[in-house]
């Protein structure tokens, strides 16, 4: 029989071993993104600046150290969301003729310009889809789950936009003479 006293000395060894294994496989926690200087003061343009993907993007930019402005004269870059789509499609129908599974779809098209209007990053489109199993007997819970899933999708798209911008700007800078 193994007692607690015998296990306690092994716990620190197991923690060190587990940490070493995680670092050896390349795993690391996602930290803040280091933005290039051109994005330090960003003008975000969208049909709805306070909702949808624009709200998630504003949060991601600010957490990375950027200041999101509404004044074009103080912006160092312009991030323009030219298209945003949010849809829901029935994937399967139950025996009663009601939807039992939906596909949620989010799409965004964006481009980046400098403060003089020169294109730094050509328009790009990103999209995500997720499945949602629906049970009409749990209507309120499923509606809440759908809203939370959409929020997660928008945050993911916002992070993907920032990653694309970083990659695109690095390629743009290395191609410049």
N, C-alpha and C. Protein backbone atom coordinates (compact mmCIF):
# COMPACT_ATOMS: atom_id res chain seq x y z
N UNK A 1 0.84 -1.18 0.00
CA UNK A 1 0.00 0.00 0.00
C UNK A 1 0.89 1.25 0.00
N UNK A 2 0.58 2.18 -0.90
CA UNK A 2 1.36 3.41 -1.00
C UNK A 2 0.72 4.46 -0.10
N UNK A 3 1.53 5.06 0.72
CA UNK A 3 1.03 6.09 1.63
C UNK A 3 1.33 7.47 1.07
N UNK A 4 0.66 8.46 1.64
CA UNK A 4 0.86 9.84 1.21
C UNK A 4 2.27 10.30 1.50
N UNK A 5 2.86 9.84 2.59
CA UNK A 5 4.22 10.25 2.95
C UNK A 5 5.22 9.80 1.90
N UNK A 6 5.00 8.66 1.28
CA UNK A 6 5.90 8.18 0.24
C UNK A 6 5.74 8.96 -1.06
N UNK A 7 4.54 9.45 -1.34
CA UNK A 7 4.29 10.18 -2.58
C UNK A 7 4.79 11.61 -2.54
N UNK A 8 4.78 12.26 -1.40
CA UNK A 8 5.14 13.67 -1.30
C UNK A 8 6.54 13.98 -1.84
N UNK A 9 7.58 13.22 -1.52
CA UNK A 9 8.89 13.54 -2.09
C UNK A 9 8.93 13.38 -3.62
N UNK A 10 8.09 12.56 -4.17
CA UNK A 10 8.10 12.33 -5.62
C UNK A 10 7.39 13.44 -6.38
N UNK A 11 6.54 14.22 -5.74
CA UNK A 11 5.77 15.27 -6.43
C UNK A 11 6.69 16.32 -7.06
N UNK A 12 7.67 16.90 -6.35
CA UNK A 12 8.54 17.89 -6.99
C UNK A 12 9.30 17.31 -8.19
N UNK A 13 9.72 16.07 -8.07
CA UNK A 13 10.44 15.42 -9.17
C UNK A 13 9.51 15.28 -10.38
N UNK A 14 8.27 14.91 -10.13
CA UNK A 14 7.31 14.75 -11.23
C UNK A 14 7.00 16.10 -11.89
N UNK A 15 6.91 17.16 -11.10
CA UNK A 15 6.64 18.49 -11.65
C UNK A 15 7.81 18.93 -12.53
N UNK A 16 9.03 18.74 -12.07
CA UNK A 16 10.21 19.11 -12.85
C UNK A 16 10.26 18.30 -14.15
N UNK A 17 10.00 17.00 -14.04
CA UNK A 17 10.02 16.14 -15.21
C UNK A 17 8.94 16.55 -16.21
N UNK A 18 7.74 16.83 -15.73
CA UNK A 18 6.64 17.26 -16.60
C UNK A 18 6.98 18.58 -17.29
N UNK A 19 7.55 19.53 -16.56
CA UNK A 19 7.95 20.82 -17.12
C UNK A 19 9.01 20.63 -18.19
N UNK A 20 9.98 19.78 -17.93
CA UNK A 20 11.03 19.52 -18.91
C UNK A 20 10.46 18.89 -20.18
N UNK A 21 9.52 17.97 -20.01
CA UNK A 21 8.90 17.34 -21.18
C UNK A 21 8.11 18.35 -22.01
N UNK A 22 7.38 19.23 -21.34
CA UNK A 22 6.60 20.24 -22.06
C UNK A 22 7.51 21.20 -22.83
N UNK A 23 8.60 21.63 -22.21
CA UNK A 23 9.49 22.56 -22.90
C UNK A 23 10.22 21.87 -24.04
N UNK A 24 10.49 20.58 -23.90
CA UNK A 24 11.18 19.84 -24.95
C UNK A 24 10.31 19.68 -26.20
N UNK A 25 9.01 19.64 -26.04
CA UNK A 25 8.14 19.46 -27.20
C UNK A 25 7.81 20.78 -27.88
N UNK A 26 8.31 21.91 -27.36
CA UNK A 26 8.08 23.21 -27.98
C UNK A 26 6.86 23.94 -27.45
N UNK A 27 6.16 23.38 -26.48
CA UNK A 27 4.97 24.02 -25.94
C UNK A 27 5.37 25.25 -25.13
N UNK A 28 4.67 26.34 -25.31
CA UNK A 28 4.80 27.50 -24.44
C UNK A 28 3.47 28.23 -24.40
N UNK A 29 3.24 28.93 -23.31
CA UNK A 29 2.01 29.68 -23.16
C UNK A 29 1.99 30.84 -24.14
N UNK A 30 0.81 31.13 -24.67
CA UNK A 30 0.69 32.24 -25.59
C UNK A 30 0.82 33.53 -24.79
N UNK A 31 1.81 34.30 -25.11
CA UNK A 31 2.01 35.56 -24.42
C UNK A 31 1.50 36.70 -25.28
N UNK A 32 1.85 37.91 -24.87
CA UNK A 32 1.47 39.07 -25.67
C UNK A 32 2.28 39.10 -26.95
N UNK A 33 1.68 39.58 -27.98
CA UNK A 33 2.33 39.71 -29.27
C UNK A 33 3.08 41.04 -29.27
N UNK A 34 4.29 41.04 -29.82
CA UNK A 34 5.02 42.29 -29.95
C UNK A 34 4.69 42.90 -31.30
N UNK A 35 4.01 44.03 -31.27
CA UNK A 35 3.57 44.68 -32.49
C UNK A 35 4.71 45.52 -33.08
N UNK A 36 4.76 45.62 -34.40
CA UNK A 36 5.75 46.51 -35.01
C UNK A 36 5.39 47.96 -34.71
N UNK A 37 6.36 48.86 -34.75
CA UNK A 37 6.10 50.27 -34.41
C UNK A 37 4.98 50.91 -35.22
N UNK A 38 4.79 50.50 -36.45
CA UNK A 38 3.76 51.12 -37.28
C UNK A 38 2.35 50.89 -36.73
N UNK A 39 2.15 49.83 -35.93
CA UNK A 39 0.82 49.54 -35.39
C UNK A 39 0.60 50.10 -33.98
N UNK A 40 1.53 50.88 -33.47
CA UNK A 40 1.41 51.39 -32.10
C UNK A 40 0.19 52.28 -31.91
N UNK A 41 -0.17 53.06 -32.93
CA UNK A 41 -1.40 53.86 -32.89
C UNK A 41 -2.19 53.49 -34.14
N UNK A 42 -3.21 52.69 -33.96
CA UNK A 42 -3.94 52.12 -35.09
C UNK A 42 -5.35 52.70 -35.18
N UNK A 43 -5.69 53.11 -36.39
CA UNK A 43 -7.06 53.53 -36.67
C UNK A 43 -7.80 52.30 -37.18
N UNK A 44 -8.83 51.89 -36.47
CA UNK A 44 -9.62 50.74 -36.85
C UNK A 44 -10.87 51.23 -37.56
N UNK A 45 -11.06 50.80 -38.81
CA UNK A 45 -12.23 51.20 -39.58
C UNK A 45 -13.11 49.99 -39.83
N UNK A 46 -14.39 50.14 -39.51
CA UNK A 46 -15.36 49.07 -39.69
C UNK A 46 -16.76 49.68 -39.69
N UNK A 47 -17.72 48.93 -40.23
CA UNK A 47 -19.12 49.41 -40.17
C UNK A 47 -19.59 49.53 -38.73
N UNK A 48 -19.18 48.58 -37.90
CA UNK A 48 -19.57 48.56 -36.48
C UNK A 48 -18.31 48.48 -35.64
N UNK A 49 -17.83 49.61 -35.15
CA UNK A 49 -16.57 49.65 -34.40
C UNK A 49 -16.66 49.01 -33.03
N UNK A 50 -17.85 48.85 -32.49
CA UNK A 50 -18.00 48.38 -31.11
C UNK A 50 -18.63 47.00 -31.00
N UNK A 51 -18.84 46.34 -32.12
CA UNK A 51 -19.44 45.01 -32.10
C UNK A 51 -18.72 44.07 -33.05
N UNK A 52 -19.10 42.83 -33.02
CA UNK A 52 -18.56 41.83 -33.93
C UNK A 52 -17.06 41.64 -33.80
N UNK A 53 -16.43 41.40 -34.92
CA UNK A 53 -14.99 41.13 -34.95
C UNK A 53 -14.20 42.38 -34.60
N UNK A 54 -14.72 43.55 -34.92
CA UNK A 54 -14.01 44.80 -34.60
C UNK A 54 -13.80 44.95 -33.10
N UNK A 55 -14.79 44.59 -32.30
CA UNK A 55 -14.64 44.68 -30.84
C UNK A 55 -13.57 43.72 -30.34
N UNK A 56 -13.56 42.49 -30.87
CA UNK A 56 -12.55 41.51 -30.48
C UNK A 56 -11.16 41.97 -30.93
N UNK A 57 -11.08 42.55 -32.12
CA UNK A 57 -9.81 43.03 -32.65
C UNK A 57 -9.28 44.20 -31.83
N UNK A 58 -10.17 45.09 -31.44
CA UNK A 58 -9.78 46.23 -30.58
C UNK A 58 -9.16 45.71 -29.28
N UNK A 59 -9.79 44.73 -28.67
CA UNK A 59 -9.29 44.15 -27.42
C UNK A 59 -7.92 43.51 -27.62
N UNK A 60 -7.77 42.75 -28.69
CA UNK A 60 -6.48 42.08 -28.97
C UNK A 60 -5.37 43.10 -29.23
N UNK A 61 -5.68 44.14 -30.01
CA UNK A 61 -4.67 45.17 -30.29
C UNK A 61 -4.25 45.88 -29.02
N UNK A 62 -5.23 46.25 -28.19
CA UNK A 62 -4.91 46.96 -26.95
C UNK A 62 -4.14 46.08 -25.99
N UNK A 63 -4.45 44.80 -25.93
CA UNK A 63 -3.70 43.91 -25.02
C UNK A 63 -2.28 43.69 -25.52
N UNK A 64 -2.04 43.91 -26.82
CA UNK A 64 -0.70 43.78 -27.37
C UNK A 64 0.09 45.09 -27.27
N UNK A 65 -0.55 46.14 -26.73
CA UNK A 65 0.16 47.40 -26.51
C UNK A 65 -0.16 48.50 -27.49
N UNK A 66 -1.05 48.27 -28.43
CA UNK A 66 -1.41 49.31 -29.39
C UNK A 66 -2.45 50.24 -28.77
N UNK A 67 -2.47 51.45 -29.27
CA UNK A 67 -3.54 52.37 -28.90
C UNK A 67 -4.44 52.49 -30.10
N UNK A 68 -5.71 52.14 -29.93
CA UNK A 68 -6.68 52.21 -31.02
C UNK A 68 -7.31 53.59 -30.97
N UNK A 69 -7.24 54.30 -32.08
CA UNK A 69 -7.71 55.67 -32.13
C UNK A 69 -8.88 55.81 -33.12
N UNK A 70 -9.59 56.91 -32.98
CA UNK A 70 -10.65 57.23 -33.93
C UNK A 70 -10.26 58.44 -34.78
N UNK A 71 -9.07 58.97 -34.56
CA UNK A 71 -8.59 60.16 -35.27
C UNK A 71 -7.53 59.76 -36.29
N UNK A 72 -7.82 60.00 -37.55
CA UNK A 72 -6.90 59.59 -38.61
C UNK A 72 -5.59 60.36 -38.59
N UNK A 73 -5.60 61.61 -38.08
CA UNK A 73 -4.37 62.40 -38.08
C UNK A 73 -3.34 61.92 -37.06
N UNK A 74 -3.72 61.15 -36.07
CA UNK A 74 -2.75 60.65 -35.10
C UNK A 74 -2.39 59.18 -35.31
N UNK A 75 -3.02 58.53 -36.28
CA UNK A 75 -2.78 57.10 -36.53
C UNK A 75 -1.47 56.87 -37.27
N UNK A 76 -0.78 55.82 -36.89
CA UNK A 76 0.42 55.40 -37.63
C UNK A 76 0.06 54.34 -38.67
N UNK A 77 -1.09 53.69 -38.50
CA UNK A 77 -1.57 52.68 -39.45
C UNK A 77 -3.08 52.65 -39.43
N UNK A 78 -3.65 52.18 -40.52
CA UNK A 78 -5.10 52.03 -40.63
C UNK A 78 -5.39 50.56 -40.90
N UNK A 79 -6.18 49.97 -40.02
CA UNK A 79 -6.63 48.58 -40.19
C UNK A 79 -8.09 48.66 -40.59
N UNK A 80 -8.37 48.28 -41.82
CA UNK A 80 -9.71 48.44 -42.37
C UNK A 80 -10.37 47.08 -42.53
N UNK A 81 -11.51 46.91 -41.84
CA UNK A 81 -12.33 45.71 -42.01
C UNK A 81 -13.32 46.02 -43.11
N UNK A 82 -13.11 45.44 -44.29
CA UNK A 82 -13.94 45.78 -45.44
C UNK A 82 -15.16 44.87 -45.58
N UNK A 83 -15.14 43.74 -44.92
CA UNK A 83 -16.28 42.84 -44.99
C UNK A 83 -16.36 41.97 -43.76
N UNK A 84 -17.56 41.72 -43.32
CA UNK A 84 -17.77 40.87 -42.15
C UNK A 84 -19.09 40.13 -42.35
N UNK A 85 -19.03 38.80 -42.24
CA UNK A 85 -20.24 37.99 -42.40
C UNK A 85 -20.38 37.03 -41.24
N UNK A 86 -21.59 36.86 -40.79
CA UNK A 86 -21.91 35.93 -39.71
C UNK A 86 -23.16 35.17 -40.14
N UNK A 87 -23.04 33.83 -40.26
CA UNK A 87 -24.17 33.05 -40.73
C UNK A 87 -24.36 31.81 -39.88
N UNK A 88 -25.56 31.24 -40.00
CA UNK A 88 -25.89 29.98 -39.35
C UNK A 88 -26.62 29.12 -40.38
N UNK A 89 -26.19 27.87 -40.50
CA UNK A 89 -26.77 26.97 -41.49
C UNK A 89 -27.16 25.67 -40.81
N UNK A 90 -28.30 25.11 -41.18
CA UNK A 90 -28.76 23.84 -40.63
C UNK A 90 -27.92 22.71 -41.23
N UNK A 91 -27.35 21.89 -40.35
CA UNK A 91 -26.58 20.73 -40.81
C UNK A 91 -27.40 19.45 -40.81
N UNK A 92 -28.24 19.30 -39.79
CA UNK A 92 -29.06 18.09 -39.72
C UNK A 92 -30.40 18.40 -39.07
N UNK A 93 -31.38 17.58 -39.44
CA UNK A 93 -32.74 17.75 -38.94
C UNK A 93 -33.14 16.49 -38.19
N UNK A 94 -33.76 16.67 -37.01
CA UNK A 94 -34.19 15.54 -36.19
C UNK A 94 -35.47 14.92 -36.71
N UNK A 95 -35.95 13.92 -35.99
CA UNK A 95 -37.15 13.19 -36.41
C UNK A 95 -38.40 14.06 -36.41
N UNK A 96 -38.45 15.06 -35.58
CA UNK A 96 -39.62 15.95 -35.52
C UNK A 96 -39.60 17.04 -36.57
N UNK A 97 -38.60 17.03 -37.44
CA UNK A 97 -38.52 18.05 -38.48
C UNK A 97 -37.85 19.34 -38.02
N UNK A 98 -37.29 19.35 -36.82
CA UNK A 98 -36.60 20.54 -36.32
C UNK A 98 -35.09 20.34 -36.43
N UNK A 99 -34.38 21.46 -36.53
CA UNK A 99 -32.92 21.40 -36.65
C UNK A 99 -32.31 20.80 -35.40
N UNK A 100 -31.37 19.89 -35.59
CA UNK A 100 -30.69 19.29 -34.44
C UNK A 100 -29.20 19.64 -34.42
N UNK A 101 -28.71 20.20 -35.52
CA UNK A 101 -27.30 20.60 -35.57
C UNK A 101 -27.15 21.77 -36.54
N UNK A 102 -26.38 22.77 -36.12
CA UNK A 102 -26.13 23.95 -36.94
C UNK A 102 -24.64 24.08 -37.19
N UNK A 103 -24.31 24.80 -38.27
CA UNK A 103 -22.95 25.21 -38.54
C UNK A 103 -22.92 26.73 -38.40
N UNK A 104 -22.04 27.22 -37.53
CA UNK A 104 -21.87 28.66 -37.37
C UNK A 104 -20.68 29.09 -38.23
N UNK A 105 -20.82 30.22 -38.89
CA UNK A 105 -19.82 30.69 -39.85
C UNK A 105 -19.51 32.15 -39.57
N UNK A 106 -18.22 32.48 -39.46
CA UNK A 106 -17.78 33.87 -39.31
C UNK A 106 -16.72 34.13 -40.36
N UNK A 107 -16.80 35.29 -41.01
CA UNK A 107 -15.84 35.65 -42.05
C UNK A 107 -15.51 37.13 -41.94
N UNK A 108 -14.25 37.47 -42.19
CA UNK A 108 -13.82 38.86 -42.16
C UNK A 108 -12.80 39.09 -43.27
N UNK A 109 -12.90 40.26 -43.91
CA UNK A 109 -11.92 40.69 -44.90
C UNK A 109 -11.29 41.97 -44.37
N UNK A 110 -9.96 42.05 -44.44
CA UNK A 110 -9.25 43.19 -43.88
C UNK A 110 -8.07 43.58 -44.76
N UNK A 111 -7.60 44.80 -44.58
CA UNK A 111 -6.40 45.30 -45.24
C UNK A 111 -5.74 46.30 -44.30
N UNK A 112 -4.44 46.53 -44.52
CA UNK A 112 -3.69 47.46 -43.67
C UNK A 112 -3.04 48.52 -44.57
N UNK A 113 -3.15 49.77 -44.12
CA UNK A 113 -2.58 50.91 -44.84
C UNK A 113 -1.73 51.73 -43.88
N UNK A 114 -0.75 52.46 -44.42
CA UNK A 114 0.00 53.36 -43.56
C UNK A 114 -0.80 54.65 -43.40
N UNK A 115 -0.25 55.60 -42.65
CA UNK A 115 -1.01 56.83 -42.35
C UNK A 115 -1.16 57.75 -43.56
N UNK A 116 -0.48 57.42 -44.67
CA UNK A 116 -0.63 58.20 -45.89
C UNK A 116 -1.50 57.49 -46.92
N UNK A 117 -2.07 56.36 -46.56
CA UNK A 117 -2.98 55.66 -47.43
C UNK A 117 -2.33 54.61 -48.32
N UNK A 118 -1.01 54.40 -48.19
CA UNK A 118 -0.35 53.37 -48.99
C UNK A 118 -0.68 51.99 -48.42
N UNK A 119 -0.97 51.07 -49.31
CA UNK A 119 -1.33 49.71 -48.91
C UNK A 119 -0.10 48.96 -48.39
N UNK A 120 -0.17 48.52 -47.14
CA UNK A 120 0.91 47.72 -46.56
C UNK A 120 0.62 46.23 -46.65
N UNK A 121 -0.67 45.91 -46.61
CA UNK A 121 -1.10 44.51 -46.66
C UNK A 121 -2.36 44.45 -47.51
N UNK A 122 -2.30 43.69 -48.58
CA UNK A 122 -3.45 43.55 -49.49
C UNK A 122 -4.64 42.95 -48.75
N UNK A 123 -5.86 43.21 -49.23
CA UNK A 123 -7.05 42.63 -48.58
C UNK A 123 -6.95 41.10 -48.52
N UNK A 124 -7.27 40.58 -47.36
CA UNK A 124 -7.25 39.13 -47.11
C UNK A 124 -8.54 38.75 -46.42
N UNK A 125 -8.97 37.53 -46.66
CA UNK A 125 -10.20 37.03 -46.04
C UNK A 125 -9.88 35.83 -45.18
N UNK A 126 -10.41 35.85 -43.96
CA UNK A 126 -10.28 34.73 -43.03
C UNK A 126 -11.68 34.28 -42.65
N UNK A 127 -11.85 32.96 -42.44
CA UNK A 127 -13.15 32.49 -41.97
C UNK A 127 -12.99 31.29 -41.05
N UNK A 128 -13.99 31.09 -40.24
CA UNK A 128 -14.05 29.97 -39.31
C UNK A 128 -15.45 29.37 -39.33
N UNK A 129 -15.51 28.07 -39.13
CA UNK A 129 -16.80 27.41 -38.96
C UNK A 129 -16.74 26.52 -37.73
N UNK A 130 -17.85 26.41 -37.05
CA UNK A 130 -17.98 25.53 -35.89
C UNK A 130 -19.35 24.88 -35.93
N UNK A 131 -19.42 23.67 -35.43
CA UNK A 131 -20.70 22.95 -35.35
C UNK A 131 -21.31 23.14 -33.98
N UNK A 132 -22.62 23.21 -33.93
CA UNK A 132 -23.35 23.37 -32.69
C UNK A 132 -24.51 22.38 -32.69
N UNK A 133 -24.48 21.43 -31.75
CA UNK A 133 -25.59 20.49 -31.59
C UNK A 133 -26.69 21.22 -30.83
N UNK A 134 -27.90 21.13 -31.36
CA UNK A 134 -29.00 21.91 -30.82
C UNK A 134 -30.07 20.99 -30.24
N UNK A 135 -30.55 21.35 -29.07
CA UNK A 135 -31.62 20.59 -28.42
C UNK A 135 -32.69 21.60 -28.03
N UNK A 136 -33.87 21.50 -28.65
CA UNK A 136 -34.92 22.49 -28.38
C UNK A 136 -35.43 22.43 -26.94
N UNK A 137 -35.17 21.33 -26.22
CA UNK A 137 -35.57 21.24 -24.82
C UNK A 137 -34.65 22.05 -23.91
N UNK A 138 -33.50 22.45 -24.44
CA UNK A 138 -32.54 23.27 -23.69
C UNK A 138 -32.31 24.59 -24.43
N UNK A 139 -33.38 25.20 -24.86
CA UNK A 139 -33.32 26.37 -25.74
C UNK A 139 -32.45 27.50 -25.20
N UNK A 140 -32.70 27.93 -23.96
CA UNK A 140 -31.94 29.07 -23.41
C UNK A 140 -30.46 28.74 -23.29
N UNK A 141 -30.14 27.55 -22.86
CA UNK A 141 -28.74 27.14 -22.73
C UNK A 141 -28.04 27.08 -24.07
N UNK A 142 -28.73 26.58 -25.08
CA UNK A 142 -28.14 26.46 -26.41
C UNK A 142 -27.96 27.82 -27.08
N UNK A 143 -28.88 28.74 -26.84
CA UNK A 143 -28.73 30.10 -27.37
C UNK A 143 -27.51 30.75 -26.74
N UNK A 144 -27.35 30.58 -25.44
CA UNK A 144 -26.19 31.12 -24.73
C UNK A 144 -24.90 30.47 -25.24
N UNK A 145 -24.94 29.16 -25.46
CA UNK A 145 -23.78 28.44 -25.98
C UNK A 145 -23.42 28.95 -27.38
N UNK A 146 -24.43 29.21 -28.19
CA UNK A 146 -24.20 29.74 -29.53
C UNK A 146 -23.54 31.11 -29.47
N UNK A 147 -24.01 31.98 -28.60
CA UNK A 147 -23.43 33.31 -28.45
C UNK A 147 -21.98 33.22 -27.98
N UNK A 148 -21.70 32.34 -27.03
CA UNK A 148 -20.33 32.18 -26.52
C UNK A 148 -19.42 31.61 -27.60
N UNK A 149 -19.91 30.68 -28.38
CA UNK A 149 -19.13 30.10 -29.47
C UNK A 149 -18.80 31.15 -30.51
N UNK A 150 -19.75 32.01 -30.82
CA UNK A 150 -19.49 33.11 -31.78
C UNK A 150 -18.44 34.06 -31.24
N UNK A 151 -18.50 34.38 -29.94
CA UNK A 151 -17.49 35.26 -29.33
C UNK A 151 -16.11 34.63 -29.42
N UNK A 152 -16.02 33.34 -29.13
CA UNK A 152 -14.74 32.64 -29.25
C UNK A 152 -14.22 32.67 -30.68
N UNK A 153 -15.11 32.48 -31.63
CA UNK A 153 -14.71 32.52 -33.03
C UNK A 153 -14.19 33.90 -33.41
N UNK A 154 -14.83 34.95 -32.93
CA UNK A 154 -14.39 36.31 -33.24
C UNK A 154 -13.04 36.61 -32.61
N UNK A 155 -12.82 36.14 -31.38
CA UNK A 155 -11.51 36.33 -30.75
C UNK A 155 -10.42 35.58 -31.52
N UNK A 156 -10.74 34.38 -31.97
CA UNK A 156 -9.78 33.60 -32.75
C UNK A 156 -9.46 34.32 -34.06
N UNK A 157 -10.48 34.82 -34.73
CA UNK A 157 -10.24 35.56 -35.97
C UNK A 157 -9.41 36.82 -35.72
N UNK A 158 -9.66 37.50 -34.62
CA UNK A 158 -8.88 38.70 -34.29
C UNK A 158 -7.41 38.35 -34.10
N UNK A 159 -7.13 37.25 -33.39
CA UNK A 159 -5.74 36.82 -33.22
C UNK A 159 -5.12 36.42 -34.55
N UNK A 160 -5.91 35.77 -35.41
CA UNK A 160 -5.40 35.39 -36.73
C UNK A 160 -5.10 36.62 -37.59
N UNK A 161 -5.92 37.64 -37.48
CA UNK A 161 -5.68 38.89 -38.21
C UNK A 161 -4.35 39.49 -37.77
N UNK A 162 -4.12 39.57 -36.48
CA UNK A 162 -2.88 40.15 -35.98
C UNK A 162 -1.68 39.32 -36.44
N UNK A 163 -1.80 38.00 -36.40
CA UNK A 163 -0.71 37.14 -36.86
C UNK A 163 -0.44 37.36 -38.34
N UNK A 164 -1.50 37.45 -39.15
CA UNK A 164 -1.33 37.71 -40.58
C UNK A 164 -0.67 39.07 -40.83
N UNK A 165 -1.07 40.07 -40.04
CA UNK A 165 -0.48 41.40 -40.20
C UNK A 165 1.00 41.35 -39.87
N UNK A 166 1.35 40.71 -38.76
CA UNK A 166 2.77 40.62 -38.37
C UNK A 166 3.58 39.92 -39.45
N UNK A 167 3.08 38.81 -39.95
CA UNK A 167 3.78 38.06 -40.99
C UNK A 167 3.87 38.88 -42.27
N UNK A 168 2.78 39.51 -42.66
CA UNK A 168 2.75 40.32 -43.87
C UNK A 168 3.66 41.53 -43.80
N UNK A 169 3.69 42.19 -42.65
CA UNK A 169 4.56 43.36 -42.50
C UNK A 169 6.02 42.97 -42.47
N UNK A 170 6.35 41.82 -41.88
CA UNK A 170 7.74 41.35 -41.90
C UNK A 170 8.18 41.06 -43.33
N UNK A 171 7.30 40.44 -44.11
CA UNK A 171 7.62 40.17 -45.52
C UNK A 171 7.73 41.48 -46.30
N UNK A 172 6.88 42.44 -45.99
CA UNK A 172 6.89 43.76 -46.66
C UNK A 172 8.20 44.48 -46.36
N UNK A 173 8.63 44.44 -45.10
CA UNK A 173 9.88 45.12 -44.69
C UNK A 173 11.10 44.45 -45.32
N UNK A 174 11.10 43.12 -45.38
CA UNK A 174 12.27 42.43 -45.94
C UNK A 174 12.35 42.60 -47.45
N UNK A 175 11.21 42.87 -48.11
CA UNK A 175 11.20 43.07 -49.56
C UNK A 175 11.58 44.51 -49.94
N UNK A 176 11.44 45.43 -48.97
CA UNK A 176 11.76 46.85 -49.24
C UNK A 176 13.27 47.01 -49.40
N UNK A 177 13.72 47.90 -50.32
CA UNK A 177 15.15 48.10 -50.55
C UNK A 177 15.84 48.77 -49.41
